Amino acid sequence: MIIGIPKEIMPGEARVAASPEIVKKYIANGATVLVEQKAGEGSFFFDDDYRAAGAEIIASAEELFNKAELILKVKEPQFNTTYNKHEVDLMHPGQYLITFIHPASPANHEMVKQLAARGIISMTLDGVPRISRAQTMDALTSMSTCAGYKGLLLAANAMSKFVPPMFTAVGSIPPAKALIIGVGVGGLQALATAKRLGAITYATDIRPAALEQAQSLGAKIIDTGVPAELAIAEGGYANELPEEWLIKERAKLREVIKDMDIVFLSALVPGKIAPVLITEDMVKEMPNGSVIVDISIDQGGNCDITPAGTTEVKHGVTLIGIKNIPGMLPTSSTLMFSNNVYNLVSYLMKDGKIVLDRTDEIVQSILVSIDGEVVHTGALEAMNKK
């Protein structure tokens, strides 16, 4: 198997799909590994490190995509301005792709269709199921840890006020209030970080077990009133709610976020578009100088006016929709990510080749395109809603 590790081309993306240590493991397993020149520099892994691990350094992405049988990336295929071509067009029929594709997100639908039309066998890391035998492959959880920590720091940096309580010569200044919506892995990490910074923390989630974890970290719980039987999907994930319950949830949140300095959004439904929990009218009622960090933006975002991929001030509120927050912790996130991907590739490999058992739960969950067709359930559902 010839594995290709291209340099990420999303602006500001510093991660790389494999560290030198992981490259060494692929090679020990019999693979040939091609690494694009300077692919790891943003994560402080240099070409000489990859050469020492046994990789072949390739000067151009075009050559790497042409030679590789399996492409490992961090972010979904993008338009490559160097060649004036989309990365999908640099790929060839029968090639395997493993990366974060977020196929249910409307912004990625055309790209997903292009992957299928091109004959690419693509697999998305955000589809890895949270089951015990897939834990070591779960890059989404690893990156959520990074996004929760760094995302809350971004909010603190963008805020116009102190986060902790301050006691000064001109009097005391109260601490900031931070609401975490969606207390999965990323939300819990954001909650712990906000607590460390000295904020008064609040949390909400439609899953009772998640709220218990948030409460154990000292958060004040906001109960949205969603019945547990509606809230919990298979594997303990949040379920997709009927519109009537989303309306009730928004009404409850509307009363709360009026007082919040930081709102951290991380509510996701696996394989589907993120639920819209914060509307523009709700943002208008937030305090001037407050901040929303929406780490669900890769799947459409929990706020309907979050700017995808950037930061904007709207209605006096800073909205952070940066899509690659884990890339702002490039060394740590690359080490975690590359281990997750290695474990997934090792799981899929039989006798040096990728073998996809379509009856296997992991394969079913991650497979996006094969045999010229889009097969990802969440993507097909989202495409049919348009």
Foldseek 3Di string as FASTA:
>chain_A
DEEEWEADDDPLFQATQAALVLLLVCVVVPYAYEYEAPSNVSLPGHPVSNVVSPHHYDDDPLVRQVPGQEYEGAEAWAQDPVVRGTVLVSHAANGEYEYAQLLQAPVRVVVLLSCLQRNYFYWHLLLQAPDPVQVQLNLVLLLLLLCLQLVLVVQCVQFPDQAAWDQDPVGIDHHFEEEEEDQDSNSVNNLLNSVVSHHQYEYEAQAPVSQVSSVVSPHHYQYLPRDNVQQADPPRAGHDHDPVSLVSSLVSVLVVQLRHQEYEADRDDRLAAGAANAEPVSVLSHDQRGEYEWQSVSRPTNYVPQDAQAWDADNNYIHGNRHRSSSVNHNSSNVSSNSSNSVVQVVQDDPRDGDQDCVDSRSVRTTQHHPSDGRHPRSVVSVVVD
